[in-house]
Amino acid sequence: MPRDRDDDTRYSWPPLPGSYLLPATVPWDDGLAEHAHLWLEGHCTCGRRLYPLRLLAAHVGWRQTLRDVVPRLRCQVCHERPGEWWLISDPADGATGRIAGGGGWRLRVR
């Protein structure tokens, strides 16, 4: 995804915020860097794909919003647009070998 012409932020990692809580509603209009501790989880025909917002912010610009980025994302394997998106706090949630009861937060995006 190309960066906006007026986006003059550096191509570096945004700092992690002090709070690691999942917002109550989808933060459509906040910059990606404001939620750099969260991940996008996409579900498509070939499986589940994880995209860290911190990496997306470093790649497309800190000021880009979920409203701008989510509709353009595609799976890296099958190149389809995932039919379902979740904003998650922990990418290991539900993983094999994970201690029971750890439970990260999830928020349906699309």
Protein backbone atom coordinates (compact mmCIF):
# COMPACT_ATOMS: atom_id res chain seq x y z
CA MET A 1 0.00 0.00 0.00
CA PRO A 2 1.47 3.34 -0.94
CA ARG A 3 1.77 6.08 1.64
CA ASP A 4 -0.19 9.32 1.30
CA ARG A 5 1.72 12.23 -0.20
CA ASP A 6 1.23 14.37 2.89
CA ASP A 7 2.38 11.60 5.24
CA ASP A 8 5.86 12.69 6.24
CA THR A 9 6.33 10.25 9.13
CA ARG A 10 9.46 8.13 9.16
CA TYR A 11 9.50 4.51 7.99
CA SER A 12 10.22 3.32 11.50
CA TRP A 13 8.31 1.41 14.13
CA PRO A 14 5.82 3.47 16.12
CA PRO A 15 6.31 3.37 19.88
CA LEU A 16 4.10 1.02 21.87
CA PRO A 17 1.41 2.83 23.86
CA GLY A 18 1.31 2.79 27.66
CA SER A 19 -2.10 1.06 27.76
CA TYR A 20 -2.62 -2.37 26.26
CA LEU A 21 -6.40 -2.50 26.54
CA LEU A 22 -8.67 -3.19 23.60
CA PRO A 23 -10.92 -0.21 22.83
CA ALA A 24 -14.66 -0.57 23.51
CA THR A 25 -15.53 0.11 19.86
CA VAL A 26 -13.59 -0.24 16.62
CA PRO A 27 -11.23 2.78 16.41
CA TRP A 28 -11.95 3.47 12.73
CA ASP A 29 -10.58 7.01 12.70
CA ASP A 30 -7.56 6.73 15.00
CA GLY A 31 -4.09 6.48 13.51
CA LEU A 32 -2.59 2.97 13.39
CA ALA A 33 0.26 4.06 15.67
CA GLU A 34 -2.22 4.81 18.47
CA HIS A 35 -3.10 1.11 18.61
CA ALA A 36 0.30 -0.36 17.73
CA HIS A 37 -0.08 -3.05 20.42
CA LEU A 38 -3.07 -4.65 18.64
CA TRP A 39 -3.27 -7.09 15.73
CA LEU A 40 -5.67 -7.57 12.84
CA GLU A 41 -6.78 -11.15 12.30
CA GLY A 42 -8.20 -11.97 8.89
CA HIS A 43 -10.08 -15.16 8.03
CA CYS A 44 -10.12 -16.18 4.38
CA THR A 45 -10.51 -19.40 2.39
CA CYS A 46 -6.94 -20.55 3.12
CA GLY A 47 -7.00 -19.92 6.86
CA ARG A 48 -6.21 -17.30 9.48
CA ARG A 49 -3.71 -14.48 8.87
CA LEU A 50 -2.32 -12.07 11.44
CA TYR A 51 -1.22 -8.50 10.75
CA PRO A 52 0.37 -6.48 13.58
CA LEU A 53 -0.85 -2.87 13.51
CA ARG A 54 2.66 -1.79 14.47
CA LEU A 55 4.05 -3.31 11.26
CA LEU A 56 1.23 -1.85 9.16
CA ALA A 57 1.87 1.59 10.68
CA ALA A 58 5.57 1.34 9.85
CA HIS A 59 4.75 0.28 6.28
CA VAL A 60 1.84 2.55 5.28
CA GLY A 61 2.22 5.47 7.70
CA TRP A 62 1.41 6.14 11.31
CA ARG A 63 -1.54 8.38 10.49
CA GLN A 64 -3.36 5.87 8.29
CA THR A 65 -6.62 4.69 9.85
CA LEU A 66 -8.32 1.29 9.95
CA ARG A 67 -11.01 2.80 7.70
CA ASP A 68 -8.33 3.38 5.05
CA VAL A 69 -6.31 0.19 5.49
CA VAL A 70 -8.76 -2.69 6.13
CA PRO A 71 -10.65 -2.49 2.79
CA ARG A 72 -7.35 -2.71 0.88
CA LEU A 73 -5.76 -5.65 2.73
CA ARG A 74 -5.47 -9.04 1.06
CA CYS A 75 -4.24 -12.43 2.23
CA GLN A 76 -0.51 -12.91 1.64
CA VAL A 77 -1.05 -16.53 0.59
CA CYS A 78 -4.18 -16.72 -1.59
CA HIS A 79 -4.45 -12.96 -2.38
CA GLU A 80 -8.17 -12.96 -1.55
CA ARG A 81 -9.82 -10.32 0.60
CA PRO A 82 -10.63 -11.96 3.94
CA GLY A 83 -14.35 -12.13 4.61
CA GLU A 84 -13.96 -11.58 8.33
CA TRP A 85 -11.67 -9.26 10.30
CA TRP A 86 -11.04 -9.13 14.05
CA LEU A 87 -9.05 -6.69 16.14
CA ILE A 88 -7.25 -8.78 18.75
CA SER A 89 -4.97 -8.08 21.69
CA ASP A 90 -3.03 -11.36 21.66
CA PRO A 91 -2.11 -13.29 18.49
CA ALA A 92 -1.48 -16.47 20.50
CA ASP A 93 -5.08 -16.60 21.80
CA GLY A 94 -6.36 -20.13 21.27
CA ALA A 95 -2.99 -21.51 20.22
CA THR A 96 -2.04 -25.09 20.99
CA GLY A 97 -0.05 -25.35 24.19
CA ARG A 98 -1.26 -22.04 25.55
CA ILE A 99 -2.17 -21.97 29.22
CA ALA A 100 -5.95 -22.15 29.60
CA GLY A 101 -7.73 -19.05 30.78
CA GLY A 102 -5.22 -16.60 29.29
CA GLY A 103 -7.87 -15.27 26.93
CA GLY A 104 -7.11 -12.19 24.91
CA TRP A 105 -9.70 -9.68 23.82
CA ARG A 106 -11.37 -9.72 20.41
CA LEU A 107 -13.40 -7.09 18.61
CA ARG A 108 -15.10 -7.81 15.29
CA VAL A 109 -14.09 -5.28 12.67
CA ARG A 110 -15.85 -6.61 9.60
